[in-house]
Amino acid sequence: MTDQQQKPWWQTAKLTADLETNVRWLNEILGVNESFDMICRRTEYGGKACAFYFVDGFAKDDILNRIMEQLARLSPRELRADAIEKLVNTEIAYIEVETTNELEKAVNAVLSGPTVLLVEGEATAIIIDARTYPARGPEEPDIERVVRGARDGFVETIIFNTALTRRHLRDPSLRMEYMQVGTRSRTDVCIAYVKDIVDPGVVEEVRRAIGKVKTDSLPMAEKSLEEYLFKRYWNPYPMVRYTERPDVAAVHLLEGHVLIYVDTSPSVMITPVTLFHHVQHAEEYRQQPVVGAFLRWTRLLALLASLFLLPLWYLIATQPDLFPAELAVIGPYKKAAIPLFLQILIADIGVEVLRMASIHTPSPLATAMGLVAGILLGETAVQVGLFTSEVILYVAISAIGTFASPSYELGLANKLSRLFFLAMTALFGWVGFVGSVLFWFVWLMRIEVLQTPYLWPLIPFNGKALWDVLVRTPMPNKTKRPRVLSPQDPDRK
């Protein structure tokens, strides 16, 4: 059976000139008599029977009231001929108005929020985009906070997010392409890019990939869409960068990236990206270049510690003969009842449990819960002889390094990599440590995101771009866009 044969009848049907037939169809499809919030308002204007369809809660009452007041003044002779054209061009005083003769488009319009107006004797419906969504105000994202800078952040409404982006980037070449994904959810998706900067091949590849998504819904919004687009299900490292900051989104658009907005999500996907995109933070560009460089180096050092500190310390502690005697000072000085590897594993997993518990703990109690779990449990475990003090210390340093990443997804991926290094070191000693690190590096080196090497500019090597990654370059000196994105306009001046 083909896709066309599987479609419901109304997805290929056209509206008729008989109002009662149209009303019967829409009432059946939308469940007007079964859902309390699905409204069909029957009226008469200019001697013609009419029907408004809208979702209670999505319609702007004040706008619709004004439109209905205007239509109530019409006389029969005014709608005698070309009724739809006269209503759209003269009588419905609203900006966003369009027409359709497709039943499916009328149904989708009602479910998306606009109001649909049907008129007796007309096989064309009028779609009035007078909708509003329950939404919170733009607030600074918790994960991407800055000391100085803009405090606005994306929200769960796609139209608000695109407007926030345009507020930061008033470029006439900025394009916002609208798509829908999901046969049932009809989730709104937007592809954003600067037309005369971005590589057209990347835009076409993203557009084609989204068009190929076959699903009834996107239950987890942008994350579900990411899995459909990149299909690297067992790779913990993020294939896109998420941001909730409009200024960060604008910066990446100007570099030549493609942004993907998904309705109901405050996170915007940035693609294509490399590993080093996930270690940069807006705070570095809100300070002096030398301060920004210091912050970046500190963050990179913390990320390296989160990856390699624990397995390297375990290797030194279990095979001290391989290292200089001076390193014996790092311990452990005492033996515990639990083997060293299990101590590290239990403590590392315990930190993750603590993180999950803090998420589900009410905010007024989260700090107290963290202090109790982190201090009392750790101290008690050392005192009773289950753990050594050094294990608590190095696990804490690794955990702090994990949270130093502005990318939450990268932090979790690094945690899994750390556990992998630790397990290989425990099984095979220094050979396991070196081999696992080499395997991890080669694995990352082989990853490509939309034909962009994941480890660029390290591999393939680009000295100038790598310097820009390691050291926060002053803005007047950033005269070129990243070459790896193949921008049409590589010059920033």
Protein backbone atom coordinates (compact mmCIF):
# COMPACT_ATOMS: atom_id res chain seq x y z
CA MET A 1 0.00 0.00 0.00
CA THR A 2 1.42 3.41 -0.98
CA ASP A 3 1.64 6.49 1.25
CA GLN A 4 -1.02 8.14 -0.86
CA GLN A 5 -3.45 5.26 -0.23
CA GLN A 6 -2.78 5.36 3.50
CA LYS A 7 -3.74 9.02 3.83
CA PRO A 8 -7.15 9.89 5.32
CA TRP A 9 -9.72 10.98 2.74
CA TRP A 10 -9.79 14.58 3.95
CA GLN A 11 -6.12 15.17 3.21
CA THR A 12 -6.86 15.15 -0.52
CA ALA A 13 -10.39 16.62 -0.46
CA LYS A 14 -11.41 20.11 -1.54
CA LEU A 15 -13.88 22.43 0.11
CA THR A 16 -17.30 22.75 -1.55
CA ALA A 17 -19.65 25.66 -2.13
CA ASP A 18 -22.14 24.07 0.27
CA LEU A 19 -21.54 25.44 3.76
CA GLU A 20 -23.37 22.60 5.52
CA THR A 21 -21.16 20.01 3.83
CA ASN A 22 -18.03 21.88 4.85
CA VAL A 23 -19.31 22.26 8.42
CA ARG A 24 -20.17 18.57 8.64
CA TRP A 25 -16.70 17.60 7.45
CA LEU A 26 -14.86 19.93 9.82
CA ASN A 27 -17.05 18.99 12.78
CA GLU A 28 -16.26 15.33 12.18
CA ILE A 29 -12.52 15.78 11.60
CA LEU A 30 -11.93 18.25 14.43
CA GLY A 31 -14.29 16.63 16.90
CA VAL A 32 -16.22 19.82 17.54
CA ASN A 33 -18.95 18.06 19.52
CA GLU A 34 -16.45 15.91 21.42
CA SER A 35 -13.82 18.45 22.50
CA PHE A 36 -14.93 21.37 24.64
CA ASP A 37 -12.16 23.64 23.37
CA MET A 38 -12.86 23.13 19.66
CA ILE A 39 -15.33 25.86 18.71
CA CYS A 40 -17.61 26.27 15.71
CA ARG A 41 -19.33 29.69 15.83
CA ARG A 42 -22.25 29.94 13.38
CA THR A 43 -23.10 33.49 12.26
CA GLU A 44 -24.68 35.39 9.37
CA TYR A 45 -23.17 38.41 7.65
CA GLY A 46 -24.50 40.28 4.64
CA GLY A 47 -27.30 37.75 4.26
CA LYS A 48 -24.83 34.81 4.01
CA ALA A 49 -24.46 32.04 6.59
CA CYS A 50 -20.92 31.81 7.96
CA ALA A 51 -18.97 29.61 10.36
CA PHE A 52 -15.88 30.44 12.40
CA TYR A 53 -13.63 27.59 13.53
CA PHE A 54 -10.99 28.12 16.21
CA VAL A 55 -9.46 26.57 19.32
CA ASP A 56 -10.48 28.20 22.58
CA GLY A 57 -7.27 29.46 24.13
CA PHE A 58 -5.50 30.12 20.83
CA ALA A 59 -7.80 32.81 19.43
CA LYS A 60 -7.27 36.49 20.21
CA ASP A 61 -10.68 37.50 21.50
CA ASP A 62 -10.26 41.23 21.00
CA ILE A 63 -9.14 40.85 17.37
CA LEU A 64 -11.95 38.46 16.47
CA ASN A 65 -14.53 40.68 18.20
CA ARG A 66 -13.47 43.66 16.07
CA ILE A 67 -13.58 41.58 12.90
CA MET A 68 -17.05 40.27 13.73
CA GLU A 69 -18.28 43.79 14.52
CA GLN A 70 -17.02 44.96 11.13
CA LEU A 71 -18.65 42.05 9.29
CA ALA A 72 -21.95 42.62 11.12
CA ARG A 73 -22.28 45.98 9.32
CA LEU A 74 -22.32 44.38 5.86
CA SER A 75 -25.49 44.52 3.79
CA PRO A 76 -26.60 41.66 1.46
CA ARG A 77 -25.71 43.59 -1.69
CA GLU A 78 -22.11 44.01 -0.54
CA LEU A 79 -21.48 40.23 -0.58
CA ARG A 80 -23.54 39.46 -3.68
CA ALA A 81 -20.48 38.85 -5.88
CA ASP A 82 -16.83 37.98 -5.17
CA ALA A 83 -17.60 37.62 -1.48
CA ILE A 84 -14.25 36.08 -0.50
CA GLU A 85 -12.23 38.67 -2.38
CA LYS A 86 -14.20 41.53 -0.84
CA LEU A 87 -13.90 40.10 2.68
CA VAL A 88 -10.15 39.55 2.41
CA ASN A 89 -9.25 42.79 0.67
CA THR A 90 -11.74 45.20 2.25
CA GLU A 91 -13.72 44.02 5.25
CA ILE A 92 -11.40 41.89 7.39
CA ALA A 93 -9.11 44.54 8.81
CA TYR A 94 -6.22 42.33 9.84
CA ILE A 95 -2.69 41.83 8.56
CA GLU A 96 -2.24 38.05 8.37
CA VAL A 97 -5.07 36.76 6.18
CA GLU A 98 -4.94 34.11 3.44
CA THR A 99 -7.32 31.80 1.60
CA THR A 100 -7.40 28.09 0.76
CA ASN A 101 -9.67 25.64 -0.98
CA GLU A 102 -7.95 22.58 0.55
CA LEU A 103 -9.71 20.83 3.42
CA GLU A 104 -6.42 19.59 4.91
CA LYS A 105 -4.96 23.10 5.02
CA ALA A 106 -8.07 24.41 6.74
CA VAL A 107 -7.88 21.64 9.35
CA ASN A 108 -4.18 22.23 9.99
CA ALA A 109 -4.79 25.96 10.30
CA VAL A 110 -7.38 25.49 13.04
CA LEU A 111 -5.15 23.06 14.96
CA SER A 112 -2.18 25.44 14.68
CA GLY A 113 -4.07 28.37 16.16
CA PRO A 114 -5.46 30.60 13.37
CA THR A 115 -9.20 31.03 12.86
CA VAL A 116 -10.91 29.65 9.74
CA LEU A 117 -13.96 31.40 8.27
CA LEU A 118 -16.35 29.54 5.95
CA VAL A 119 -18.97 31.39 3.89
CA GLU A 120 -22.11 29.96 2.29
CA GLY A 121 -21.79 29.57 -1.48
CA GLU A 122 -17.99 29.77 -1.43
CA ALA A 123 -15.59 26.83 -1.91
CA THR A 124 -12.75 28.86 -0.40
CA ALA A 125 -11.99 29.34 3.29
CA ILE A 126 -10.43 32.42 4.85
CA ILE A 127 -7.61 31.81 7.34
CA ILE A 128 -7.19 34.62 9.88
CA ASP A 129 -3.92 34.25 11.78
CA ALA A 130 -5.18 35.98 14.92
CA ARG A 131 -3.71 33.56 17.45
CA THR A 132 -1.94 33.69 20.73
CA TYR A 133 -0.15 31.00 22.69
CA PRO A 134 0.24 30.53 26.44
CA ALA A 135 3.87 31.58 26.85
CA ARG A 136 6.31 32.79 29.48
CA GLY A 137 8.36 35.92 29.00
CA PRO A 138 11.94 35.79 27.70
CA GLU A 139 14.29 35.05 30.60
CA GLU A 140 18.02 34.44 30.83
CA PRO A 141 18.79 30.73 30.37
CA ASP A 142 20.09 29.00 33.49
CA ILE A 143 22.84 27.07 31.70
CA GLU A 144 24.19 30.02 29.66
CA ARG A 145 24.21 32.79 32.24
CA VAL A 146 26.61 35.72 31.86
CA VAL A 147 27.73 38.37 34.33
CA ARG A 148 27.21 41.14 31.77
CA GLY A 149 25.13 40.94 28.64
CA ALA A 150 21.62 40.42 27.35
CA ARG A 151 19.15 38.79 29.71
CA ASP A 152 16.66 37.63 27.09
CA GLY A 153 16.33 33.97 26.18
CA PHE A 154 14.29 31.81 23.87
CA VAL A 155 10.90 30.53 24.98
CA GLU A 156 8.61 27.68 23.92
CA THR A 157 6.88 29.65 21.14
CA ILE A 158 8.60 29.52 17.75
CA ILE A 159 7.35 32.89 16.52
CA PHE A 160 8.75 34.62 19.62
CA ASN A 161 12.11 32.92 19.07
CA THR A 162 12.40 34.00 15.44
CA ALA A 163 11.46 37.54 16.44
CA LEU A 164 14.14 37.58 19.16
CA THR A 165 16.69 36.45 16.58
CA ARG A 166 15.70 39.19 14.14
CA ARG A 167 15.98 41.73 16.92
CA HIS A 168 19.66 40.80 17.30
CA LEU A 169 20.31 40.40 13.56
CA ARG A 170 18.63 42.96 11.26
CA ASP A 171 20.07 41.55 8.06
CA PRO A 172 17.74 41.57 5.02
CA SER A 173 19.43 38.34 3.89
CA LEU A 174 18.28 36.46 6.98
CA ARG A 175 15.88 33.75 5.85
CA MET A 176 13.38 31.85 8.01
CA GLU A 177 11.96 28.82 6.15
CA TYR A 178 8.83 27.25 7.61
CA MET A 179 8.18 23.51 7.60
CA GLN A 180 5.98 21.04 9.47
CA VAL A 181 7.01 17.63 10.81
CA GLY A 182 4.74 14.88 12.13
CA THR A 183 1.57 13.61 10.53
CA ARG A 184 -0.31 14.01 13.81
CA SER A 185 1.57 16.63 15.84
CA ARG A 186 2.16 18.97 12.86
CA THR A 187 5.09 20.45 14.74
CA ASP A 188 6.27 23.79 13.36
CA VAL A 189 9.93 23.80 12.36
CA CYS A 190 11.97 26.75 11.08
CA ILE A 191 15.30 26.70 9.23
CA ALA A 192 17.21 29.97 9.65
CA TYR A 193 20.29 31.12 7.73
CA VAL A 194 21.83 34.22 6.15
CA LYS A 195 21.37 33.69 2.43
CA ASP A 196 24.50 35.40 1.12
CA ILE A 197 26.80 33.86 3.77
CA VAL A 198 25.75 30.24 4.28
CA ASP A 199 26.84 27.37 2.05
CA PRO A 200 23.72 26.61 -0.06
CA GLY A 201 24.63 22.91 -0.05
CA VAL A 202 24.32 22.77 3.74
CA VAL A 203 20.91 24.45 3.65
CA GLU A 204 19.68 22.04 0.99
CA GLU A 205 20.98 19.04 2.94
CA VAL A 206 19.23 20.17 6.13
CA ARG A 207 16.03 20.96 4.23
CA ARG A 208 16.06 17.59 2.50
CA ALA A 209 16.80 15.72 5.75
CA ILE A 210 13.88 17.37 7.55
CA GLY A 211 11.60 16.66 4.59
CA LYS A 212 12.46 12.96 4.80
CA VAL A 213 11.43 12.63 8.46
CA LYS A 214 8.54 10.17 8.59
CA THR A 215 6.86 10.16 11.98
CA ASP A 216 3.53 10.99 13.54
CA SER A 217 5.01 13.37 16.12
CA LEU A 218 8.12 14.85 17.72
CA PRO A 219 7.42 14.12 21.40
CA MET A 220 10.71 15.60 22.63
CA ALA A 221 10.74 18.46 20.10
CA GLU A 222 14.26 19.41 19.01
CA LYS A 223 15.93 16.33 20.51
CA SER A 224 13.61 13.98 18.61
CA LEU A 225 14.30 15.89 15.41
CA GLU A 226 18.06 15.71 15.98
CA GLU A 227 17.90 11.90 16.21
CA TYR A 228 15.96 11.70 12.96
CA LEU A 229 18.42 14.02 11.18
CA PHE A 230 21.78 12.60 12.30
CA LYS A 231 20.93 9.01 13.34
CA ARG A 232 24.01 8.55 15.55
CA TYR A 233 22.02 6.86 18.28
CA TRP A 234 24.94 5.30 20.20
CA ASN A 235 27.32 8.24 19.96
CA PRO A 236 27.11 10.24 23.22
CA TYR A 237 28.79 13.31 21.73
CA PRO A 238 26.36 15.99 20.52
CA MET A 239 25.98 16.44 16.76
CA VAL A 240 24.48 19.92 17.17
CA ARG A 241 24.99 22.73 19.62
CA TYR A 242 21.96 23.85 21.60
CA THR A 243 21.53 27.42 22.70
CA GLU A 244 18.79 29.39 24.42
CA ARG A 245 20.45 32.77 23.85
CA PRO A 246 19.39 34.93 20.85
CA ASP A 247 22.77 36.70 20.78
CA VAL A 248 24.60 33.36 20.48
CA ALA A 249 22.20 32.33 17.71
CA ALA A 250 22.87 35.58 15.83
CA VAL A 251 26.65 35.12 16.09
CA HIS A 252 26.47 31.64 14.58
CA LEU A 253 24.19 32.82 11.78
CA LEU A 254 26.78 35.43 10.85
CA GLU A 255 29.48 32.74 10.78
CA GLY A 256 27.52 30.72 8.22
CA HIS A 257 25.72 28.15 10.35
CA VAL A 258 22.18 26.90 9.87
CA LEU A 259 19.80 27.16 12.83
CA ILE A 260 16.81 24.89 13.40
CA TYR A 261 13.92 26.14 15.55
CA VAL A 262 11.28 23.68 16.79
CA ASP A 263 8.00 24.88 18.27
CA THR A 264 7.40 24.11 21.99
CA SER A 265 11.16 24.13 22.68
CA PRO A 266 13.28 27.00 24.05
CA SER A 267 16.45 25.42 22.63
CA VAL A 268 17.66 26.19 19.11
CA MET A 269 19.89 23.76 17.21
CA ILE A 270 23.07 25.11 15.60
CA THR A 271 24.60 23.05 12.78
CA PRO A 272 27.11 22.12 11.51
CA VAL A 273 29.36 22.26 14.57
CA THR A 274 32.64 20.82 15.75
CA LEU A 275 33.71 19.61 19.18
CA PHE A 276 35.26 23.00 19.94
CA HIS A 277 31.98 24.84 19.45
CA HIS A 278 30.78 23.20 22.66
CA VAL A 279 33.56 24.66 24.83
CA GLN A 280 32.97 28.33 23.99
CA HIS A 281 30.76 30.56 26.11
CA ALA A 282 29.25 34.00 25.64
CA GLU A 283 30.90 35.21 28.87
CA GLU A 284 34.32 35.04 27.16
CA TYR A 285 33.21 37.73 24.69
CA ARG A 286 31.65 39.91 27.39
CA GLN A 287 35.05 40.49 29.02
CA GLN A 288 38.35 41.93 27.85
CA PRO A 289 40.21 39.65 25.39
CA VAL A 290 42.89 38.72 27.92
CA VAL A 291 40.24 37.90 30.52
CA GLY A 292 38.24 35.97 27.95
CA ALA A 293 41.34 33.97 27.01
CA PHE A 294 41.96 33.19 30.68
CA LEU A 295 38.37 32.02 31.12
CA ARG A 296 38.63 29.81 28.04
CA TRP A 297 41.91 28.23 29.15
CA THR A 298 40.43 27.59 32.59
CA ARG A 299 37.40 25.95 31.03
CA LEU A 300 39.53 23.81 28.72
CA LEU A 301 41.70 22.74 31.67
CA ALA A 302 38.58 21.79 33.65
CA LEU A 303 37.25 19.75 30.72
CA LEU A 304 40.56 17.92 30.34
CA ALA A 305 40.54 17.20 34.08
CA SER A 306 37.01 15.82 33.86
CA LEU A 307 38.18 13.39 31.19
CA PHE A 308 41.64 12.23 32.24
CA LEU A 309 42.23 13.06 35.92
CA LEU A 310 40.47 10.08 37.50
CA PRO A 311 41.81 7.31 35.21
CA LEU A 312 45.32 8.81 35.32
CA TRP A 313 45.29 9.03 39.12
CA TYR A 314 44.01 5.48 39.34
CA LEU A 315 46.87 4.34 37.09
CA ILE A 316 49.44 6.15 39.28
CA ALA A 317 47.89 4.76 42.46
CA THR A 318 47.80 1.14 41.25
CA GLN A 319 51.07 1.06 39.29
CA PRO A 320 53.40 3.50 41.08
CA ASP A 321 56.50 1.81 39.65
CA LEU A 322 55.76 3.33 36.24
CA PHE A 323 56.03 6.90 37.52
CA PRO A 324 58.56 9.06 39.38
CA ALA A 325 58.65 8.59 43.14
CA GLU A 326 57.65 12.23 43.63
CA LEU A 327 54.12 11.39 42.44
CA ALA A 328 53.58 9.10 45.42
CA VAL A 329 52.48 12.16 47.36
CA ILE A 330 49.08 12.06 45.63
CA GLY A 331 48.15 8.92 47.57
CA PRO A 332 46.22 7.00 48.57
CA TYR A 333 47.78 6.83 52.02
CA LYS A 334 45.29 4.42 53.55
CA LYS A 335 43.54 1.33 52.33
CA ALA A 336 39.76 1.09 52.44
CA ALA A 337 37.36 -1.82 52.72
CA ILE A 338 36.28 -1.40 49.09
CA PRO A 339 38.72 -1.86 46.17
CA LEU A 340 39.95 1.43 44.68
CA PHE A 341 38.23 0.95 41.32
CA LEU A 342 34.87 0.30 42.98
CA GLN A 343 35.35 3.33 45.21
CA ILE A 344 35.81 5.57 42.18
CA LEU A 345 32.94 3.95 40.31
CA ILE A 346 30.51 4.22 43.23
CA ALA A 347 31.51 7.82 43.96
CA ASP A 348 31.25 8.86 40.30
CA ILE A 349 27.84 7.27 39.91
CA GLY A 350 26.84 8.80 43.25
CA VAL A 351 27.58 12.27 41.88
CA GLU A 352 25.29 11.52 38.94
CA VAL A 353 22.55 10.34 41.31
CA LEU A 354 23.00 13.53 43.29
CA ARG A 355 22.63 15.57 40.09
CA MET A 356 19.41 13.80 39.15
CA ALA A 357 18.06 14.15 42.69
CA SER A 358 18.76 17.89 42.66
CA ILE A 359 16.73 18.26 39.46
CA HIS A 360 13.67 16.65 41.04
CA THR A 361 14.09 18.33 44.43
CA PRO A 362 12.07 21.54 45.02
CA SER A 363 14.32 24.57 44.62
CA PRO A 364 14.22 25.71 48.29
CA LEU A 365 15.47 22.25 49.34
CA ALA A 366 17.97 21.54 46.54
CA THR A 367 20.88 23.39 48.18
CA ALA A 368 20.32 21.72 51.54
CA MET A 369 20.02 18.32 49.90
CA GLY A 370 23.29 18.84 48.02
CA LEU A 371 25.14 19.83 51.18
CA VAL A 372 23.81 16.87 53.13
CA ALA A 373 24.59 14.34 50.38
CA GLY A 374 27.92 15.82 49.32
CA ILE A 375 29.44 16.55 52.72
CA LEU A 376 27.84 14.22 55.26
CA LEU A 377 27.74 11.10 53.10
CA GLY A 378 31.26 11.59 51.72
CA GLU A 379 32.75 12.40 55.12
CA THR A 380 30.96 9.52 56.78
CA ALA A 381 32.11 7.07 54.11
CA VAL A 382 35.73 8.10 54.76
CA GLN A 383 35.39 7.88 58.52
CA VAL A 384 33.94 4.38 58.53
CA GLY A 385 36.68 3.18 56.19
CA LEU A 386 34.66 2.49 53.05
CA PHE A 387 36.34 5.24 51.00
CA THR A 388 39.67 7.05 51.02
CA SER A 389 39.86 10.82 51.14
CA GLU A 390 41.77 10.96 47.84
CA VAL A 391 38.92 9.27 45.97
CA ILE A 392 36.44 11.87 47.20
CA LEU A 393 38.84 14.65 46.22
CA TYR A 394 39.53 13.53 42.66
CA VAL A 395 35.95 12.52 41.96
CA ALA A 396 34.84 15.98 43.11
CA ILE A 397 37.40 17.69 40.85
CA SER A 398 36.27 15.59 37.87
CA ALA A 399 32.60 16.37 38.58
CA ILE A 400 33.28 20.09 38.78
CA GLY A 401 35.17 19.90 35.49
CA THR A 402 32.19 18.17 33.90
CA PHE A 403 29.87 21.00 34.90
CA ALA A 404 32.34 23.64 33.65
CA SER A 405 31.23 22.95 30.08
CA PRO A 406 28.60 25.36 28.72
CA SER A 407 27.23 22.38 26.78
CA TYR A 408 25.30 20.07 29.07
CA GLU A 409 25.38 17.36 26.39
CA LEU A 410 29.17 17.52 26.10
CA GLY A 411 29.54 17.20 29.87
CA LEU A 412 27.51 13.99 29.94
CA ALA A 413 29.42 12.58 26.96
CA ASN A 414 32.73 13.32 28.69
CA LYS A 415 31.48 11.53 31.79
CA LEU A 416 30.80 8.35 29.79
CA SER A 417 34.23 8.64 28.14
CA ARG A 418 35.85 9.00 31.58
CA LEU A 419 34.16 5.82 32.79
CA PHE A 420 35.39 4.05 29.64
CA PHE A 421 38.98 5.20 30.26
CA LEU A 422 38.72 4.13 33.89
CA ALA A 423 37.39 0.66 33.05
CA MET A 424 40.09 0.03 30.44
CA THR A 425 42.78 1.22 32.87
CA ALA A 426 41.48 -1.10 35.59
CA LEU A 427 41.46 -4.07 33.19
CA PHE A 428 44.71 -3.57 31.26
CA GLY A 429 46.79 -1.04 33.19
CA TRP A 430 48.74 1.61 31.29
CA VAL A 431 48.12 -0.21 28.00
CA GLY A 432 44.39 0.08 28.58
CA PHE A 433 44.66 3.78 29.43
CA VAL A 434 46.75 4.67 26.39
CA GLY A 435 44.75 2.41 24.08
CA SER A 436 41.37 3.74 25.21
CA VAL A 437 42.48 7.36 24.80
CA LEU A 438 43.82 6.65 21.31
CA PHE A 439 40.59 4.82 20.39
CA TRP A 440 38.53 7.76 21.69
CA PHE A 441 40.60 10.26 19.71
CA VAL A 442 40.44 8.27 16.44
CA TRP A 443 36.70 7.76 16.95
CA LEU A 444 36.11 11.51 17.30
CA MET A 445 38.40 12.15 14.34
CA ARG A 446 36.21 9.99 12.09
CA ILE A 447 32.99 11.86 12.93
CA GLU A 448 31.59 14.33 10.41
CA VAL A 449 28.56 16.58 10.83
CA LEU A 450 27.15 17.69 7.48
CA GLN A 451 30.57 17.04 5.92
CA THR A 452 32.28 19.07 8.66
CA PRO A 453 35.12 17.26 10.53
CA TYR A 454 34.24 17.05 14.22
CA LEU A 455 37.81 17.83 15.40
CA TRP A 456 38.43 20.76 13.05
CA PRO A 457 40.63 22.86 13.28
CA LEU A 458 42.83 20.30 15.06
CA ILE A 459 42.20 17.63 12.41
CA PRO A 460 42.47 18.62 9.62
CA PHE A 461 44.94 21.09 11.06
CA ASN A 462 44.35 24.82 10.64
CA GLY A 463 46.78 26.81 12.77
CA LYS A 464 45.04 30.19 12.59
CA ALA A 465 41.63 28.73 13.37
CA LEU A 466 43.05 26.61 16.21
CA TRP A 467 44.66 29.72 17.71
CA ASP A 468 41.25 31.41 17.58
CA VAL A 469 39.79 28.42 19.46
CA LEU A 470 42.47 28.38 22.15
CA VAL A 471 42.78 32.14 22.60
CA ARG A 472 39.87 34.56 22.60
CA THR A 473 40.72 36.80 19.65
CA PRO A 474 39.82 40.52 19.87
CA MET A 475 36.76 41.26 17.75
CA PRO A 476 38.54 43.73 15.39
CA ASN A 477 40.96 40.93 14.52
CA LYS A 478 38.21 38.42 13.63
CA THR A 479 38.13 39.37 9.97
CA LYS A 480 37.38 35.95 8.47
CA ARG A 481 34.54 33.48 8.87
CA PRO A 482 35.37 29.82 9.63
CA ARG A 483 36.70 28.27 6.44
CA VAL A 484 35.28 24.86 7.33
CA LEU A 485 31.74 26.20 6.79
CA SER A 486 32.54 27.19 3.17
CA PRO A 487 30.84 30.62 3.50
CA GLN A 488 29.96 32.49 0.34
CA ASP A 489 31.23 35.69 1.95
CA PRO A 490 34.36 34.73 3.95
CA ASP A 491 35.27 38.33 4.80
CA ARG A 492 33.63 39.90 7.87
CA LYS A 493 34.55 43.46 6.91
